[in-house]
PDB file of N, CA and C in Angstrom:
ATOM      1  N   ALA A   1    -136.013  11.633 -18.662  1.00  0.00           N
ATOM      2  CA  ALA A   1    -136.418  10.768 -17.577  1.00  0.00           C
ATOM      3  C   ALA A   1    -135.381  10.808 -16.447  1.00  0.00           C
ATOM      4  N   LEU A   2    -134.107  10.818 -16.818  1.00  0.00           N
ATOM      5  CA  LEU A   2    -133.067  10.838 -15.785  1.00  0.00           C
ATOM      6  C   LEU A   2    -133.040  12.166 -15.034  1.00  0.00           C
ATOM      7  N   ILE A   3    -133.332  13.254 -15.724  1.00  0.00           N
ATOM      8  CA  ILE A   3    -133.378  14.552 -15.051  1.00  0.00           C
ATOM      9  C   ILE A   3    -134.529  14.577 -14.055  1.00  0.00           C
ATOM     10  N   LEU A   4    -135.672  14.027 -14.437  1.00  0.00           N
ATOM     11  CA  LEU A   4    -136.809  13.961 -13.513  1.00  0.00           C
ATOM     12  C   LEU A   4    -136.477  13.097 -12.302  1.00  0.00           C
ATOM     13  N   LEU A   5    -135.762  12.005 -12.529  1.00  0.00           N
ATOM     14  CA  LEU A   5    -135.328  11.170 -11.402  1.00  0.00           C
ATOM     15  C   LEU A   5    -134.415  11.960 -10.470  1.00  0.00           C
ATOM     16  N   GLY A   6    -133.512  12.747 -11.054  1.00  0.00           N
ATOM     17  CA  GLY A   6    -132.625  13.572 -10.248  1.00  0.00           C
ATOM     18  C   GLY A   6    -133.384  14.597  -9.424  1.00  0.00           C
ATOM     19  N   ARG A   7    -134.403  15.203 -10.037  1.00  0.00           N
ATOM     20  CA  ARG A   7    -135.213  16.176  -9.301  1.00  0.00           C
ATOM     21  C   ARG A   7    -135.924  15.522  -8.128  1.00  0.00           C
ATOM     22  N   LEU A   8    -136.447  14.344  -8.358  1.00  0.00           N
ATOM     23  CA  LEU A   8    -137.147  13.655  -7.276  1.00  0.00           C
ATOM     24  C   LEU A   8    -136.181  13.339  -6.144  1.00  0.00           C
ATOM     25  N   LYS A   9    -134.984  12.901  -6.503  1.00  0.00           N
ATOM     26  CA  LYS A   9    -133.997  12.561  -5.484  1.00  0.00           C
ATOM     27  C   LYS A   9    -133.551  13.793  -4.704  1.00  0.00           C
ATOM     28  N   GLU A  10    -133.531  14.971  -5.367  1.00  0.00           N
ATOM     29  CA  GLU A  10    -133.151  16.213  -4.683  1.00  0.00           C
ATOM     30  C   GLU A  10    -134.128  16.558  -3.569  1.00  0.00           C
ATOM     31  N   GLN A  11    -135.379  16.178  -3.747  1.00  0.00           N
ATOM     32  CA  GLN A  11    -136.378  16.437  -2.717  1.00  0.00           C
ATOM     33  C   GLN A  11    -136.067  15.552  -1.517  1.00  0.00           C
ATOM     34  N   SER A  12    -136.388  16.009  -0.356  1.00  0.00           N
ATOM     35  CA  SER A  12    -136.138  15.191   0.827  1.00  0.00           C
ATOM     36  C   SER A  12    -137.102  14.016   0.893  1.00  0.00           C
ATOM     37  N   GLN A  13    -138.141  14.056   0.065  1.00  0.00           N
ATOM     38  CA  GLN A  13    -139.159  13.008   0.085  1.00  0.00           C
ATOM     39  C   GLN A  13    -138.778  11.887  -0.887  1.00  0.00           C
ATOM     40  N   ILE A  14    -137.759  11.145  -0.558  1.00  0.00           N
ATOM     41  CA  ILE A  14    -137.300  10.056  -1.418  1.00  0.00           C
ATOM     42  C   ILE A  14    -138.371   8.983  -1.539  1.00  0.00           C
ATOM     43  N   VAL A  15    -139.142   8.777  -0.492  1.00  0.00           N
ATOM     44  CA  VAL A  15    -140.179   7.750  -0.519  1.00  0.00           C
ATOM     45  C   VAL A  15    -141.470   8.377  -1.018  1.00  0.00           C
ATOM     46  N   VAL A  16    -141.862   8.005  -2.215  1.00  0.00           N
ATOM     47  CA  VAL A  16    -143.107   8.492  -2.800  1.00  0.00           C
ATOM     48  C   VAL A  16    -144.099   7.348  -2.759  1.00  0.00           C
ATOM     49  N   GLY A  17    -145.229   7.564  -2.192  1.00  0.00           N
ATOM     50  CA  GLY A  17    -146.232   6.514  -2.113  1.00  0.00           C
ATOM     51  C   GLY A  17    -145.902   5.458  -1.080  1.00  0.00           C
ATOM     52  N   GLY A  18    -144.855   5.662  -0.313  1.00  0.00           N
ATOM     53  CA  GLY A  18    -144.517   4.740   0.747  1.00  0.00           C
ATOM     54  C   GLY A  18    -143.729   3.523   0.303  1.00  0.00           C
ATOM     55  N   TYR A  19    -143.625   3.280  -0.995  1.00  0.00           N
ATOM     56  CA  TYR A  19    -142.949   2.050  -1.410  1.00  0.00           C
ATOM     57  C   TYR A  19    -142.275   2.139  -2.758  1.00  0.00           C
ATOM     58  N   VAL A  20    -142.415   3.210  -3.469  1.00  0.00           N
ATOM     59  CA  VAL A  20    -141.928   3.252  -4.842  1.00  0.00           C
ATOM     60  C   VAL A  20    -140.423   3.023  -4.967  1.00  0.00           C
ATOM     61  N   TRP A  21    -139.629   3.497  -3.988  1.00  0.00           N
ATOM     62  CA  TRP A  21    -138.185   3.349  -4.106  1.00  0.00           C
ATOM     63  C   TRP A  21    -137.705   1.932  -3.832  1.00  0.00           C
ATOM     64  N   ARG A  22    -138.585   1.072  -3.391  1.00  0.00           N
ATOM     65  CA  ARG A  22    -138.190  -0.331  -3.221  1.00  0.00           C
ATOM     66  C   ARG A  22    -138.042  -1.021  -4.568  1.00  0.00           C
ATOM     67  N   SER A  23    -138.619  -0.442  -5.612  1.00  0.00           N
ATOM     68  CA  SER A  23    -138.539  -1.047  -6.937  1.00  0.00           C
ATOM     69  C   SER A  23    -137.999  -0.038  -7.934  1.00  0.00           C
ATOM     70  N   GLY A  24    -136.773  -0.239  -8.363  1.00  0.00           N
ATOM     71  CA  GLY A  24    -136.190   0.633  -9.372  1.00  0.00           C
ATOM     72  C   GLY A  24    -136.963   0.599 -10.672  1.00  0.00           C
ATOM     73  N   ARG A  25    -137.575  -0.545 -10.972  1.00  0.00           N
ATOM     74  CA  ARG A  25    -138.355  -0.647 -12.213  1.00  0.00           C
ATOM     75  C   ARG A  25    -139.589   0.229 -12.163  1.00  0.00           C
ATOM     76  N   ARG A  26    -140.225   0.337 -11.012  1.00  0.00           N
ATOM     77  CA  ARG A  26    -141.387   1.227 -10.882  1.00  0.00           C
ATOM     78  C   ARG A  26    -140.974   2.673 -11.092  1.00  0.00           C
ATOM     79  N   VAL A  27    -139.879   3.048 -10.466  1.00  0.00           N
ATOM     80  CA  VAL A  27    -139.383   4.413 -10.599  1.00  0.00           C
ATOM     81  C   VAL A  27    -139.044   4.699 -12.056  1.00  0.00           C
ATOM     82  N   TRP A  28    -138.400   3.752 -12.700  1.00  0.00           N
ATOM     83  CA  TRP A  28    -137.982   3.925 -14.091  1.00  0.00           C
ATOM     84  C   TRP A  28    -139.196   4.115 -15.001  1.00  0.00           C
ATOM     85  N   ILE A  29    -140.202   3.277 -14.865  1.00  0.00           N
ATOM     86  CA  ILE A  29    -141.370   3.404 -15.731  1.00  0.00           C
ATOM     87  C   ILE A  29    -142.112   4.710 -15.456  1.00  0.00           C
ATOM     88  N   LEU A  30    -142.174   5.132 -14.194  1.00  0.00           N
ATOM     89  CA  LEU A  30    -142.791   6.420 -13.872  1.00  0.00           C
ATOM     90  C   LEU A  30    -142.017   7.571 -14.497  1.00  0.00           C
ATOM     91  N   ALA A  31    -140.699   7.524 -14.428  1.00  0.00           N
ATOM     92  CA  ALA A  31    -139.883   8.595 -15.011  1.00  0.00           C
ATOM     93  C   ALA A  31    -140.083   8.673 -16.519  1.00  0.00           C
ATOM     94  N   PHE A  32    -140.082   7.530 -17.190  1.00  0.00           N
ATOM     95  CA  PHE A  32    -140.298   7.538 -18.635  1.00  0.00           C
ATOM     96  C   PHE A  32    -141.705   7.994 -18.987  1.00  0.00           C
ATOM     97  N   MET A  33    -142.679   7.588 -18.203  1.00  0.00           N
ATOM     98  CA  MET A  33    -144.055   7.985 -18.457  1.00  0.00           C
ATOM     99  C   MET A  33    -144.191   9.504 -18.347  1.00  0.00           C
ATOM    100  N   LEU A  34    -143.680  10.088 -17.262  1.00  0.00           N
ATOM    101  CA  LEU A  34    -143.793  11.530 -17.074  1.00  0.00           C
ATOM    102  C   LEU A  34    -142.992  12.298 -18.117  1.00  0.00           C
ATOM    103  N   ALA A  35    -141.800  11.809 -18.447  1.00  0.00           N
ATOM    104  CA  ALA A  35    -141.002  12.475 -19.481  1.00  0.00           C
ATOM    105  C   ALA A  35    -141.731  12.424 -20.820  1.00  0.00           C
ATOM    106  N   GLY A  36    -142.278  11.268 -21.150  1.00  0.00           N
ATOM    107  CA  GLY A  36    -143.015  11.136 -22.407  1.00  0.00           C
ATOM    108  C   GLY A  36    -144.231  12.031 -22.461  1.00  0.00           C
ATOM    109  N   LYS A  37    -144.980  12.060 -21.378  1.00  0.00           N
ATOM    110  CA  LYS A  37    -146.184  12.891 -21.336  1.00  0.00           C
ATOM    111  C   LYS A  37    -145.852  14.374 -21.426  1.00  0.00           C
ATOM    112  N   SER A  38    -144.726  14.782 -20.859  1.00  0.00           N
ATOM    113  CA  SER A  38    -144.391  16.204 -20.882  1.00  0.00           C
ATOM    114  C   SER A  38    -143.712  16.627 -22.181  1.00  0.00           C
ATOM    115  N   LEU A  39    -143.185  15.677 -22.946  1.00  0.00           N
ATOM    116  CA  LEU A  39    -142.481  16.016 -24.184  1.00  0.00           C
ATOM    117  C   LEU A  39    -143.301  15.804 -25.450  1.00  0.00           C
ATOM    118  N   VAL A  40    -144.200  14.841 -25.442  1.00  0.00           N
ATOM    119  CA  VAL A  40    -144.918  14.454 -26.657  1.00  0.00           C
ATOM    120  C   VAL A  40    -146.416  14.557 -26.414  1.00  0.00           C
ATOM    121  N   ASP A  41    -147.080  15.355 -27.238  1.00  0.00           N
ATOM    122  CA  ASP A  41    -148.527  15.519 -27.068  1.00  0.00           C
ATOM    123  C   ASP A  41    -149.287  14.215 -27.275  1.00  0.00           C
ATOM    124  N   ASN A  42    -148.856  13.422 -28.231  1.00  0.00           N
ATOM    125  CA  ASN A  42    -149.566  12.190 -28.574  1.00  0.00           C
ATOM    126  C   ASN A  42    -148.796  10.984 -28.035  1.00  0.00           C
ATOM    127  N   CYS A  43    -148.592  10.977 -26.748  1.00  0.00           N
ATOM    128  CA  CYS A  43    -147.832   9.912 -26.086  1.00  0.00           C
ATOM    129  C   CYS A  43    -148.760   8.729 -25.790  1.00  0.00           C
ATOM    130  N   PHE A  44    -148.203   7.666 -25.253  1.00  0.00           N
ATOM    131  CA  PHE A  44    -149.021   6.541 -24.816  1.00  0.00           C
ATOM    132  C   PHE A  44    -150.054   7.022 -23.809  1.00  0.00           C
ATOM    133  N   ASP A  45    -151.224   6.407 -23.824  1.00  0.00           N
ATOM    134  CA  ASP A  45    -152.219   6.762 -22.812  1.00  0.00           C
ATOM    135  C   ASP A  45    -151.943   5.977 -21.529  1.00  0.00           C
ATOM    136  N   GLN A  46    -152.693   6.308 -20.499  1.00  0.00           N
ATOM    137  CA  GLN A  46    -152.465   5.708 -19.178  1.00  0.00           C
ATOM    138  C   GLN A  46    -152.628   4.184 -19.218  1.00  0.00           C
ATOM    139  N   GLN A  47    -153.574   3.719 -20.010  1.00  0.00           N
ATOM    140  CA  GLN A  47    -153.791   2.275 -20.106  1.00  0.00           C
ATOM    141  C   GLN A  47    -152.570   1.573 -20.702  1.00  0.00           C
ATOM    142  N   ALA A  48    -151.945   2.196 -21.697  1.00  0.00           N
ATOM    143  CA  ALA A  48    -150.750   1.601 -22.309  1.00  0.00           C
ATOM    144  C   ALA A  48    -149.599   1.530 -21.305  1.00  0.00           C
ATOM    145  N   TRP A  49    -149.415   2.607 -20.523  1.00  0.00           N
ATOM    146  CA  TRP A  49    -148.365   2.589 -19.502  1.00  0.00           C
ATOM    147  C   TRP A  49    -148.661   1.523 -18.451  1.00  0.00           C
ATOM    148  N   ALA A  50    -149.911   1.403 -18.075  1.00  0.00           N
ATOM    149  CA  ALA A  50    -150.291   0.384 -17.094  1.00  0.00           C
ATOM    150  C   ALA A  50    -150.014  -1.011 -17.643  1.00  0.00           C
ATOM    151  N   GLU A  51    -150.262  -1.206 -18.922  1.00  0.00           N
ATOM    152  CA  GLU A  51    -149.999  -2.508 -19.548  1.00  0.00           C
ATOM    153  C   GLU A  51    -148.497  -2.812 -19.550  1.00  0.00           C
ATOM    154  N   MET A  52    -147.681  -1.793 -19.834  1.00  0.00           N
ATOM    155  CA  MET A  52    -146.223  -1.988 -19.839  1.00  0.00           C
ATOM    156  C   MET A  52    -145.700  -2.341 -18.450  1.00  0.00           C
ATOM    157  N   GLY A  53    -146.323  -1.785 -17.425  1.00  0.00           N
ATOM    158  CA  GLY A  53    -145.846  -2.028 -16.066  1.00  0.00           C
ATOM    159  C   GLY A  53    -146.703  -2.992 -15.279  1.00  0.00           C
ATOM    160  N   LYS A  54    -147.508  -3.784 -15.975  1.00  0.00           N
ATOM    161  CA  LYS A  54    -148.502  -4.610 -15.275  1.00  0.00           C
ATOM    162  C   LYS A  54    -147.907  -5.619 -14.300  1.00  0.00           C
ATOM    163  N   THR A  55    -146.680  -6.045 -14.529  1.00  0.00           N
ATOM    164  CA  THR A  55    -146.086  -6.996 -13.587  1.00  0.00           C
ATOM    165  C   THR A  55    -145.532  -6.291 -12.351  1.00  0.00           C
ATOM    166  N   MET A  56    -145.455  -4.950 -12.409  1.00  0.00           N
ATOM    167  CA  MET A  56    -144.875  -4.187 -11.303  1.00  0.00           C
ATOM    168  C   MET A  56    -145.913  -3.470 -10.460  1.00  0.00           C
ATOM    169  N   MET A  57    -147.025  -3.059 -11.093  1.00  0.00           N
ATOM    170  CA  MET A  57    -148.025  -2.273 -10.378  1.00  0.00           C
ATOM    171  C   MET A  57    -149.346  -2.285 -11.129  1.00  0.00           C
ATOM    172  N   THR A  58    -150.398  -2.046 -10.397  1.00  0.00           N
ATOM    173  CA  THR A  58    -151.723  -1.954 -11.003  1.00  0.00           C
ATOM    174  C   THR A  58    -151.900  -0.568 -11.612  1.00  0.00           C
ATOM    175  N   ARG A  59    -152.924  -0.422 -12.426  1.00  0.00           N
ATOM    176  CA  ARG A  59    -153.207   0.893 -13.015  1.00  0.00           C
ATOM    177  C   ARG A  59    -153.518   1.907 -11.915  1.00  0.00           C
ATOM    178  N   GLU A  60    -154.249   1.486 -10.908  1.00  0.00           N
ATOM    179  CA  GLU A  60    -154.583   2.387  -9.806  1.00  0.00           C
ATOM    180  C   GLU A  60    -153.322   2.861  -9.086  1.00  0.00           C
ATOM    181  N   MET A  61    -152.387   1.941  -8.871  1.00  0.00           N
ATOM    182  CA  MET A  61    -151.128   2.292  -8.224  1.00  0.00           C
ATOM    183  C   MET A  61    -150.344   3.269  -9.101  1.00  0.00           C
ATOM    184  N   LEU A  62    -150.304   3.002 -10.400  1.00  0.00           N
ATOM    185  CA  LEU A  62    -149.619   3.879 -11.342  1.00  0.00           C
ATOM    186  C   LEU A  62    -150.214   5.283 -11.299  1.00  0.00           C
ATOM    187  N   ASP A  63    -151.541   5.374 -11.317  1.00  0.00           N
ATOM    188  CA  ASP A  63    -152.219   6.675 -11.255  1.00  0.00           C
ATOM    189  C   ASP A  63    -151.858   7.418  -9.973  1.00  0.00           C
ATOM    190  N   ARG A  64    -151.908   6.705  -8.856  1.00  0.00           N
ATOM    191  CA  ARG A  64    -151.617   7.330  -7.563  1.00  0.00           C
ATOM    192  C   ARG A  64    -150.171   7.801  -7.471  1.00  0.00           C
ATOM    193  N   LEU A  65    -149.248   6.949  -7.905  1.00  0.00           N
ATOM    194  CA  LEU A  65    -147.834   7.311  -7.853  1.00  0.00           C
ATOM    195  C   LEU A  65    -147.528   8.483  -8.775  1.00  0.00           C
ATOM    196  N   GLU A  66    -148.180   8.527  -9.929  1.00  0.00           N
ATOM    197  CA  GLU A  66    -147.979   9.654 -10.842  1.00  0.00           C
ATOM    198  C   GLU A  66    -148.405  10.964 -10.173  1.00  0.00           C
ATOM    199  N   ARG A  67    -149.573  10.967  -9.559  1.00  0.00           N
ATOM    200  CA  ARG A  67    -150.049  12.183  -8.876  1.00  0.00           C
ATOM    201  C   ARG A  67    -149.105  12.584  -7.749  1.00  0.00           C
ATOM    202  N   GLU A  68    -148.684  11.606  -6.944  1.00  0.00           N
ATOM    203  CA  GLU A  68    -147.795  11.907  -5.820  1.00  0.00           C
ATOM    204  C   GLU A  68    -146.443  12.428  -6.299  1.00  0.00           C
ATOM    205  N   TRP A  69    -145.914  11.815  -7.351  1.00  0.00           N
ATOM    206  CA  TRP A  69    -144.630  12.248  -7.882  1.00  0.00           C
ATOM    207  C   TRP A  69    -144.737  13.673  -8.420  1.00  0.00           C
ATOM    208  N   CYS A  70    -145.805  13.962  -9.160  1.00  0.00           N
ATOM    209  CA  CYS A  70    -145.995  15.317  -9.699  1.00  0.00           C
ATOM    210  C   CYS A  70    -146.106  16.340  -8.572  1.00  0.00           C
ATOM    211  N   ARG A  71    -146.824  15.995  -7.522  1.00  0.00           N
ATOM    212  CA  ARG A  71    -146.924  16.913  -6.370  1.00  0.00           C
ATOM    213  C   ARG A  71    -145.562  17.093  -5.702  1.00  0.00           C
ATOM    214  N   THR A  72    -144.818  16.015  -5.544  1.00  0.00           N
ATOM    215  CA  THR A  72    -143.492  16.091  -4.930  1.00  0.00           C
ATOM    216  C   THR A  72    -142.573  17.002  -5.739  1.00  0.00           C
ATOM    217  N   LEU A  73    -142.683  16.929  -7.060  1.00  0.00           N
ATOM    218  CA  LEU A  73    -141.864  17.773  -7.936  1.00  0.00           C
ATOM    219  C   LEU A  73    -142.462  19.163  -8.118  1.00  0.00           C
ATOM    220  N   ASP A  74    -143.559  19.441  -7.427  1.00  0.00           N
ATOM    221  CA  ASP A  74    -144.265  20.717  -7.554  1.00  0.00           C
ATOM    222  C   ASP A  74    -144.619  20.981  -9.022  1.00  0.00           C
ATOM    223  N   TRP A  75    -144.931  19.923  -9.734  1.00  0.00           N
ATOM    224  CA  TRP A  75    -145.346  19.956 -11.146  1.00  0.00           C
ATOM    225  C   TRP A  75    -144.272  20.548 -12.060  1.00  0.00           C
ATOM    226  N   ARG A  76    -143.010  20.490 -11.646  1.00  0.00           N
ATOM    227  CA  ARG A  76    -141.905  20.981 -12.486  1.00  0.00           C
ATOM    228  C   ARG A  76    -141.442  19.845 -13.394  1.00  0.00           C
ATOM    229  N   LEU A  77    -142.157  19.639 -14.492  1.00  0.00           N
ATOM    230  CA  LEU A  77    -141.839  18.552 -15.409  1.00  0.00           C
ATOM    231  C   LEU A  77    -141.099  19.033 -16.655  1.00  0.00           C
ATOM    232  N   VAL A  78    -141.092  20.331 -16.879  1.00  0.00           N
ATOM    233  CA  VAL A  78    -140.409  20.881 -18.050  1.00  0.00           C
ATOM    234  C   VAL A  78    -138.909  20.903 -17.783  1.00  0.00           C
ATOM    235  N   ILE A  79    -138.147  20.448 -18.758  1.00  0.00           N
ATOM    236  CA  ILE A  79    -136.691  20.431 -18.651  1.00  0.00           C
ATOM    237  C   ILE A  79    -136.159  21.556 -19.529  1.00  0.00           C
ATOM    238  N   THR A  80    -135.440  22.476 -18.924  1.00  0.00           N
ATOM    239  CA  THR A  80    -134.937  23.625 -19.672  1.00  0.00           C
ATOM    240  C   THR A  80    -133.738  23.227 -20.528  1.00  0.00           C
ATOM    241  N   GLU A  81    -133.438  24.077 -21.493  1.00  0.00           N
ATOM    242  CA  GLU A  81    -132.281  23.835 -22.348  1.00  0.00           C
ATOM    243  C   GLU A  81    -130.991  23.841 -21.526  1.00  0.00           C
ATOM    244  N   ALA A  82    -130.922  24.725 -20.538  1.00  0.00           N
ATOM    245  CA  ALA A  82    -129.733  24.786 -19.678  1.00  0.00           C
ATOM    246  C   ALA A  82    -129.561  23.489 -18.882  1.00  0.00           C
ATOM    247  N   GLU A  83    -130.662  22.956 -18.352  1.00  0.00           N
ATOM    248  CA  GLU A  83    -130.585  21.691 -17.600  1.00  0.00           C
ATOM    249  C   GLU A  83    -130.132  20.553 -18.506  1.00  0.00           C
ATOM    250  N   LEU A  84    -130.675  20.512 -19.711  1.00  0.00           N
ATOM    251  CA  LEU A  84    -130.309  19.455 -20.651  1.00  0.00           C
ATOM    252  C   LEU A  84    -128.843  19.571 -21.049  1.00  0.00           C
ATOM    253  N   SER A  85    -128.384  20.791 -21.277  1.00  0.00           N
ATOM    254  CA  SER A  85    -126.990  21.016 -21.635  1.00  0.00           C
ATOM    255  C   SER A  85    -126.061  20.586 -20.503  1.00  0.00           C
ATOM    256  N   GLN A  86    -126.405  20.972 -19.279  1.00  0.00           N
ATOM    257  CA  GLN A  86    -125.593  20.586 -18.121  1.00  0.00           C
ATOM    258  C   GLN A  86    -125.586  19.068 -17.955  1.00  0.00           C
ATOM    259  N   PHE A  87    -126.731  18.435 -18.127  1.00  0.00           N
ATOM    260  CA  PHE A  87    -126.828  16.985 -17.995  1.00  0.00           C
ATOM    261  C   PHE A  87    -125.989  16.293 -19.069  1.00  0.00           C
ATOM    262  N   SER A  88    -125.995  16.839 -20.282  1.00  0.00           N
ATOM    263  CA  SER A  88    -125.247  16.239 -21.392  1.00  0.00           C
ATOM    264  C   SER A  88    -123.744  16.275 -21.153  1.00  0.00           C
ATOM    265  N   ARG A  89    -123.279  17.258 -20.387  1.00  0.00           N
ATOM    266  CA  ARG A  89    -121.840  17.370 -20.103  1.00  0.00           C
ATOM    267  C   ARG A  89    -121.383  16.412 -19.008  1.00  0.00           C
ATOM    268  N   MET A  90    -122.295  15.808 -18.297  1.00  0.00           N
ATOM    269  CA  MET A  90    -121.937  14.920 -17.185  1.00  0.00           C
ATOM    270  C   MET A  90    -121.306  13.643 -17.680  1.00  0.00           C
TER     271      MET A  90
END
């Protein structure tokens, strides 16, 4: 999740959806959701993630932000062994 956050920050488009960076909790739940979905085949479904973040955003907002974030990252959600190793040394 932290590597995905770093990738998003590397992009010049820090503002995803026009408001996501105003809430660190929204960013955090999105990062965990995308990391979970890309690492585990049988991860929580979208409804479960929406329920976890219900005080921060609606399901529709979550869906939209997920799509925008994936587009911003050019769908690069896979974390290589080299990236993980470098991150672990930090």
